[in-house]
């Protein structure tokens, strides 16, 4: 799959423009703060209807503008995303889409960023979020179940807080049943996809010079199965804390190297290599499941790799690539035999300065 064209208005600091891309390498070169990451973000936003940077979507609208709009074309498909201060609209092939799960997947993307190291070394919520997004791209059903689970979780936590105040547990049984049903659907999908995920990460880590990399799934529920007995055991603890303490939202991934925790024994360079392997594994899984390679959005991801790993990394890239950096990569032989465009970015303006 390849993104052929994008037309954006009112997005971040980018000057309104229409750009065309080639199917191999698209280099986005500019100084820090020029807007090159914003272009990657615009591509991500029209693909997944979410940003990989912004917590508040309305901050994506250019200061002084009333709305943003992005049109994109890829292999005969067309998508539009529109956002103003009051509403958000998604369109596919001219039809309005009302469910996020029906929109995600029209154009698969994998984002590789220098910030990915925090998936490895950061809080468990980052690893859960990452795992959820990977599986959501493969399975619209998983995304639907995840949305429902999170909704039930919020409602159940409110009930637990009320129980702590008034002692009335009558509503908990209803939410327990729904939590168990949706929680186990999520667990089943995770169990189905984890073996391939682990295998791919180990293989790609080895390519980057790290052997015996593995992942342990750490579940808050025995055998990754939620049931009423487990909820009964933690009932008093949950009431005291006012929140649900077991379920897929409390689980974690432990990264290991030679069976030892990566965070304790690996160097920063090794952590970055594993973070890159994670994202490349995501791309491989999407390809294996769908038969179409996702486009790769690279935001300064190789900047802190040593030269040997940079060469290996560039050779591992497959499909359409958007490479954002302050300068062109030194390994010219990797891309000069392929189609490529060079986009120069300055103060939000973008122009094509080179192509083959």
Protein backbone atom coordinates (compact mmCIF):
# COMPACT_ATOMS: atom_id res chain seq x y z
CA UNK A 1 0.00 0.00 0.00
CA UNK A 2 1.23 3.49 -0.80
CA UNK A 3 -0.02 6.96 0.04
CA UNK A 4 -0.17 8.78 -3.29
CA UNK A 5 -1.41 12.22 -2.34
CA UNK A 6 -2.31 14.35 0.64
CA UNK A 7 -4.06 17.73 0.75
CA UNK A 8 -4.13 19.49 4.12
CA UNK A 9 -5.61 22.72 5.43
CA UNK A 10 -5.30 24.28 8.88
CA UNK A 11 -3.02 21.59 10.33
CA UNK A 12 -0.49 22.68 12.95
CA UNK A 13 2.05 25.13 11.51
CA UNK A 14 1.95 23.63 8.00
CA UNK A 15 1.24 25.98 5.12
CA UNK A 16 -1.81 24.63 3.25
CA UNK A 17 -0.59 22.39 0.43
CA UNK A 18 -1.14 19.33 -1.74
CA UNK A 19 1.75 16.87 -1.94
CA UNK A 20 2.36 13.77 -4.05
CA UNK A 21 4.56 10.90 -2.89
CA UNK A 22 6.54 8.06 -4.44
CA UNK A 23 6.11 4.44 -3.41
CA UNK A 24 9.59 3.96 -1.92
CA UNK A 25 11.48 6.68 0.01
CA UNK A 26 10.04 10.11 0.81
CA UNK A 27 12.63 12.16 2.68
CA UNK A 28 11.32 15.07 4.76
CA UNK A 29 14.28 17.27 5.62
CA UNK A 30 14.31 20.39 7.75
CA UNK A 31 15.59 22.03 10.90
CA UNK A 32 14.07 21.17 14.26
CA UNK A 33 10.77 23.02 14.65
CA UNK A 34 10.35 23.52 10.90
CA UNK A 35 7.28 21.28 10.66
CA UNK A 36 8.62 17.98 9.35
CA UNK A 37 7.15 15.97 12.24
CA UNK A 38 3.85 17.79 11.69
CA UNK A 39 3.69 16.34 8.17
CA UNK A 40 4.16 12.83 9.57
CA UNK A 41 1.46 13.61 12.13
CA UNK A 42 -0.95 14.75 9.40
CA UNK A 43 -0.41 11.45 7.55
CA UNK A 44 -0.98 9.52 10.78
CA UNK A 45 -4.09 11.54 11.61
CA UNK A 46 -5.83 10.91 8.30
CA UNK A 47 -4.88 7.21 8.54
CA UNK A 48 -5.81 6.41 12.15
CA UNK A 49 -8.01 9.39 13.12
CA UNK A 50 -5.65 10.03 16.03
CA UNK A 51 -2.36 11.78 16.66
CA UNK A 52 0.79 10.09 17.91
CA UNK A 53 1.69 13.32 19.77
CA UNK A 54 -1.31 15.42 20.83
CA UNK A 55 -3.45 14.60 23.85
CA UNK A 56 -6.04 17.22 22.90
CA UNK A 57 -7.13 16.94 19.27
CA UNK A 58 -8.21 20.57 18.94
CA UNK A 59 -4.57 21.60 19.41
CA UNK A 60 -3.96 20.19 15.92
CA UNK A 61 -5.93 23.09 14.40
CA UNK A 62 -3.63 25.88 13.26
CA UNK A 63 -3.76 28.88 15.56
CA UNK A 64 -6.20 31.39 14.09
CA UNK A 65 -8.00 28.83 11.89
CA UNK A 66 -11.48 27.50 12.62
CA UNK A 67 -10.96 23.95 11.37
CA UNK A 68 -8.55 21.46 9.86
CA UNK A 69 -9.19 19.20 6.90
CA UNK A 70 -7.03 16.49 5.37
CA UNK A 71 -7.77 14.60 2.13
CA UNK A 72 -5.68 11.56 1.27
CA UNK A 73 -5.53 9.10 -1.61
CA UNK A 74 -3.96 5.64 -1.52
CA UNK A 75 -4.31 2.89 -4.12
CA UNK A 76 -7.72 3.94 -5.36
CA UNK A 77 -9.07 4.76 -1.90
CA UNK A 78 -9.87 8.24 -0.64
CA UNK A 79 -10.29 9.40 2.94
CA UNK A 80 -11.16 12.75 4.48
CA UNK A 81 -10.89 13.85 8.08
CA UNK A 82 -12.41 17.13 9.27
CA UNK A 83 -12.14 18.66 12.72
CA UNK A 84 -13.42 21.95 14.14
CA UNK A 85 -14.07 23.17 17.67
CA UNK A 86 -17.36 21.25 17.90
CA UNK A 87 -17.20 18.13 15.76
CA UNK A 88 -15.08 15.58 13.97
CA UNK A 89 -16.06 13.89 10.71
CA UNK A 90 -14.56 10.87 8.98
CA UNK A 91 -15.20 10.03 5.33
CA UNK A 92 -14.23 7.01 3.22
CA UNK A 93 -14.96 6.85 -0.51
CA UNK A 94 -17.37 9.75 -0.06
CA UNK A 95 -19.36 8.06 2.73
CA UNK A 96 -19.41 9.33 6.30
CA UNK A 97 -18.02 6.87 8.84
CA UNK A 98 -19.47 6.89 12.36
CA UNK A 99 -17.42 4.16 14.06
CA UNK A 100 -13.67 4.44 14.53
CA UNK A 101 -13.27 0.69 13.99
CA UNK A 102 -14.72 1.11 10.47
CA UNK A 103 -12.15 3.79 9.62
CA UNK A 104 -8.93 2.38 11.04
CA UNK A 105 -7.28 0.08 8.53
CA UNK A 106 -8.14 1.94 5.32
CA UNK A 107 -4.44 2.91 5.27
CA UNK A 108 -2.15 1.09 7.66
CA UNK A 109 0.75 3.06 9.11
CA UNK A 110 3.49 2.27 11.59
CA UNK A 111 5.15 5.19 13.37
CA UNK A 112 8.78 4.94 14.47
CA UNK A 113 9.96 7.74 16.73
CA UNK A 114 12.88 8.52 18.97
CA UNK A 115 10.28 8.54 21.79
CA UNK A 116 9.59 4.81 21.28
CA UNK A 117 12.26 4.01 23.85
CA UNK A 118 9.65 4.88 26.50
CA UNK A 119 7.61 1.85 25.43
CA UNK A 120 10.53 -0.23 26.72
CA UNK A 121 11.60 1.80 29.75
CA UNK A 122 8.44 3.77 30.63
CA UNK A 123 5.29 3.02 32.65
CA UNK A 124 3.14 -0.09 31.96
CA UNK A 125 0.38 2.05 30.44
CA UNK A 126 2.66 2.81 27.47
CA UNK A 127 3.19 -0.88 26.75
CA UNK A 128 -0.53 -1.68 27.09
CA UNK A 129 -1.41 1.20 24.78
CA UNK A 130 1.11 0.00 22.23
CA UNK A 131 -0.11 -3.60 22.34
CA UNK A 132 -3.74 -2.49 22.06
CA UNK A 133 -3.00 -0.37 18.98
CA UNK A 134 -1.13 -3.16 17.22
CA UNK A 135 -3.99 -5.63 17.68
CA UNK A 136 -6.63 -2.99 16.90
CA UNK A 137 -5.04 -2.46 13.48
CA UNK A 138 -5.37 -6.17 12.79
CA UNK A 139 -8.80 -6.72 14.32
CA UNK A 140 -11.68 -4.19 14.21
CA UNK A 141 -13.50 -6.50 16.65
CA UNK A 142 -10.70 -6.08 19.17
CA UNK A 143 -10.95 -2.31 18.91
CA UNK A 144 -14.74 -2.43 19.41
CA UNK A 145 -14.34 -4.69 22.45
CA UNK A 146 -11.61 -2.43 23.83
CA UNK A 147 -13.80 0.67 23.50
CA UNK A 148 -16.67 -1.09 25.30
CA UNK A 149 -14.36 -2.45 27.99
CA UNK A 150 -12.98 1.01 28.74
CA UNK A 151 -16.50 2.43 28.91
CA UNK A 152 -17.58 -0.29 31.37
CA UNK A 153 -14.37 0.22 33.36
CA UNK A 154 -15.09 3.93 33.84
CA UNK A 155 -18.67 3.20 34.92
CA UNK A 156 -17.62 0.41 37.27
CA UNK A 157 -15.00 2.61 38.91
CA UNK A 158 -17.65 5.23 39.58
CA UNK A 159 -19.84 2.57 41.21
CA UNK A 160 -16.91 1.42 43.36
CA UNK A 161 -16.38 4.98 44.54
CA UNK A 162 -20.07 5.24 45.46
CA UNK A 163 -19.90 1.93 47.32
CA UNK A 164 -17.05 3.32 49.36
CA UNK A 165 -19.36 6.19 50.35
CA UNK A 166 -22.70 4.41 50.91
CA UNK A 167 -21.93 0.66 51.11
CA UNK A 168 -24.47 -0.28 48.38
CA UNK A 169 -22.99 -3.07 46.19
CA UNK A 170 -26.17 -3.91 44.23
CA UNK A 171 -24.94 -2.40 40.95
CA UNK A 172 -21.58 -4.14 40.98
CA UNK A 173 -22.88 -7.53 39.81
CA UNK A 174 -24.19 -6.03 36.56
CA UNK A 175 -20.88 -4.34 35.77
CA UNK A 176 -18.91 -7.41 36.87
CA UNK A 177 -20.61 -9.56 34.24
CA UNK A 178 -19.90 -7.07 31.44
CA UNK A 179 -16.32 -6.55 32.60
CA UNK A 180 -15.72 -10.30 32.53
CA UNK A 181 -17.26 -10.75 29.06
CA UNK A 182 -15.37 -7.96 27.33
CA UNK A 183 -12.19 -8.51 29.35
CA UNK A 184 -11.98 -12.14 28.25
CA UNK A 185 -12.57 -11.22 24.60
CA UNK A 186 -9.56 -8.90 24.89
CA UNK A 187 -7.50 -11.58 26.60
CA UNK A 188 -8.32 -14.10 23.88
CA UNK A 189 -7.14 -11.77 21.11
CA UNK A 190 -3.95 -10.98 23.02
CA UNK A 191 -3.20 -14.68 23.52
CA UNK A 192 -3.81 -15.33 19.83
CA UNK A 193 -1.42 -12.62 18.63
CA UNK A 194 1.34 -12.67 21.24
CA UNK A 195 3.28 -15.72 19.92
CA UNK A 196 3.79 -14.21 16.46
CA UNK A 197 4.57 -10.85 18.03
CA UNK A 198 7.26 -12.33 20.28
CA UNK A 199 8.79 -14.35 17.46
CA UNK A 200 9.02 -11.35 15.15
CA UNK A 201 10.55 -9.09 17.82
CA UNK A 202 13.19 -11.71 18.65
CA UNK A 203 14.13 -12.10 14.97
CA UNK A 204 14.33 -8.35 14.28
CA UNK A 205 16.27 -7.69 17.49
CA UNK A 206 18.78 -10.32 16.36
CA UNK A 207 19.14 -8.50 13.01
CA UNK A 208 20.02 -5.38 15.02
CA UNK A 209 22.67 -7.29 16.97
CA UNK A 210 20.68 -8.32 20.06
CA UNK A 211 20.26 -12.03 20.69
CA UNK A 212 17.83 -13.78 23.02
CA UNK A 213 15.33 -10.93 23.28
CA UNK A 214 11.99 -12.11 24.63
CA UNK A 215 8.76 -10.79 26.16
CA UNK A 216 6.91 -12.07 29.21
CA UNK A 217 3.24 -11.16 29.43
CA UNK A 218 2.48 -10.30 33.05
CA UNK A 219 -1.22 -10.73 33.73
CA UNK A 220 -3.21 -9.58 36.74
CA UNK A 221 -5.42 -12.64 36.19
CA UNK A 222 -4.22 -16.27 36.31
CA UNK A 223 -3.95 -17.75 32.79
CA UNK A 224 -5.17 -14.45 31.32
CA UNK A 225 -8.75 -15.24 32.32
CA UNK A 226 -11.07 -12.96 34.28
CA UNK A 227 -13.89 -14.50 36.34
CA UNK A 228 -16.25 -13.75 39.21
CA UNK A 229 -14.07 -15.55 41.78
CA UNK A 230 -11.14 -13.24 41.01
CA UNK A 231 -13.35 -10.16 41.33
CA UNK A 232 -14.76 -11.48 44.61
CA UNK A 233 -11.26 -11.94 46.02
CA UNK A 234 -10.32 -8.32 45.35
CA UNK A 235 -13.73 -6.78 46.11
CA UNK A 236 -12.75 -5.10 49.39
CA UNK A 237 -9.50 -3.80 47.93
CA UNK A 238 -11.35 -2.33 44.95
CA UNK A 239 -13.92 -0.65 47.17
CA UNK A 240 -11.16 0.83 49.31
CA UNK A 241 -9.26 2.15 46.27
CA UNK A 242 -12.36 3.08 44.27
CA UNK A 243 -11.04 1.42 41.12
CA UNK A 244 -10.85 -1.91 39.30
CA UNK A 245 -7.54 -3.58 40.15
CA UNK A 246 -7.60 -6.67 37.90
CA UNK A 247 -8.18 -7.18 34.18
CA UNK A 248 -6.37 -6.51 30.89
CA UNK A 249 -6.06 -2.81 31.76
CA UNK A 250 -3.70 -3.75 34.62
CA UNK A 251 -1.34 -6.07 32.72
CA UNK A 252 2.20 -5.42 31.52
CA UNK A 253 4.88 -6.62 29.13
CA UNK A 254 8.33 -7.40 30.52
CA UNK A 255 11.14 -7.16 27.97
CA UNK A 256 13.98 -9.59 28.54
CA UNK A 257 17.47 -10.02 27.11
CA UNK A 258 19.07 -13.39 27.84
CA UNK A 259 16.20 -13.92 30.34
CA UNK A 260 17.13 -10.78 32.31
CA UNK A 261 15.00 -7.60 32.49
CA UNK A 262 16.03 -5.29 29.69
CA UNK A 263 15.54 -2.14 31.78
CA UNK A 264 18.05 -3.36 34.37
CA UNK A 265 20.76 -4.83 32.17
CA UNK A 266 20.66 -3.20 28.71
CA UNK A 267 22.43 -0.06 27.52
CA UNK A 268 20.45 2.84 26.08
CA UNK A 269 21.56 1.81 22.60
CA UNK A 270 20.23 -1.69 23.16
CA UNK A 271 16.93 -0.31 24.49
CA UNK A 272 16.59 1.83 21.36
CA UNK A 273 17.31 -1.17 19.15
CA UNK A 274 14.57 -3.19 20.88
CA UNK A 275 12.14 -0.27 20.52
CA UNK A 276 12.86 -0.20 16.78
CA UNK A 277 12.40 -3.98 16.60
CA UNK A 278 9.00 -3.53 18.27
CA UNK A 279 7.79 -1.17 15.57
CA UNK A 280 9.24 -3.20 12.70
CA UNK A 281 7.57 -6.27 14.19
CA UNK A 282 4.27 -4.39 14.16
CA UNK A 283 4.74 -3.68 10.45
CA UNK A 284 5.56 -7.33 9.72
CA UNK A 285 2.51 -8.58 11.61
CA UNK A 286 0.25 -6.19 9.70
CA UNK A 287 1.77 -7.43 6.45
CA UNK A 288 1.38 -11.09 7.42
CA UNK A 289 -2.25 -10.61 8.45
CA UNK A 290 -3.37 -8.39 5.57
CA UNK A 291 -0.94 -9.11 2.76
CA UNK A 292 -0.24 -5.38 2.32
CA UNK A 293 2.73 -3.56 3.80
CA UNK A 294 1.92 -0.58 6.03
CA UNK A 295 3.61 2.72 5.28
CA UNK A 296 6.42 3.59 7.68
CA UNK A 297 6.64 7.02 9.30
CA UNK A 298 10.14 7.60 10.70
CA UNK A 299 10.73 10.60 12.97
CA UNK A 300 14.48 10.92 13.71
CA UNK A 301 14.36 7.29 14.77
CA UNK A 302 17.91 6.39 13.69
CA UNK A 303 19.54 9.55 15.05
CA UNK A 304 21.03 7.86 18.12
CA UNK A 305 21.97 4.52 16.56
CA UNK A 306 25.61 3.74 15.87
CA UNK A 307 26.64 3.62 12.20
CA UNK A 308 26.49 -0.18 11.89
CA UNK A 309 22.97 -0.35 13.27
CA UNK A 310 21.89 2.56 11.04
CA UNK A 311 22.93 0.61 7.96
CA UNK A 312 21.16 -2.55 9.17
CA UNK A 313 18.07 -0.56 10.10
CA UNK A 314 17.76 1.12 6.70
CA UNK A 315 18.14 -2.24 4.99
CA UNK A 316 15.31 -3.67 7.13
CA UNK A 317 12.82 -1.05 5.93
CA UNK A 318 10.18 -2.32 3.51
CA UNK A 319 7.30 -0.69 1.70
CA UNK A 320 6.66 3.04 1.44
CA UNK A 321 8.83 5.07 3.80
CA UNK A 322 8.54 8.64 5.09
CA UNK A 323 11.89 9.55 6.63
CA UNK A 324 11.92 12.81 8.61
CA UNK A 325 15.28 14.15 9.76
CA UNK A 326 17.50 17.23 9.85
CA UNK A 327 19.66 15.71 7.11
CA UNK A 328 19.73 12.94 4.53
CA UNK A 329 21.03 9.56 5.71
CA UNK A 330 24.68 8.88 4.90
CA UNK A 331 23.93 5.41 3.51
CA UNK A 332 22.98 6.66 0.05
CA UNK A 333 23.36 3.26 -1.61
CA UNK A 334 20.36 2.00 0.34
CA UNK A 335 17.88 4.29 -1.40
CA UNK A 336 19.49 5.55 -4.61
CA UNK A 337 18.51 2.40 -6.47
CA UNK A 338 14.86 3.08 -5.62
CA UNK A 339 12.35 5.83 -6.27
CA UNK A 340 12.68 8.72 -3.86
CA UNK A 341 11.54 12.29 -3.27
CA UNK A 342 13.18 14.91 -1.09
CA UNK A 343 10.86 17.42 0.58
CA UNK A 344 12.51 20.46 2.14
CA UNK A 345 10.58 21.94 5.07
CA UNK A 346 11.02 25.50 6.28
CA UNK A 347 8.63 27.33 8.64
CA UNK A 348 5.79 25.00 7.69
CA UNK A 349 6.27 25.43 3.96
CA UNK A 350 7.22 22.33 1.93
CA UNK A 351 8.77 22.07 -1.49
CA UNK A 352 10.14 19.16 -3.53
CA UNK A 353 13.87 19.78 -3.93
CA UNK A 354 14.97 16.50 -5.43
CA UNK A 355 13.61 13.30 -6.92
CA UNK A 356 14.55 10.34 -9.06
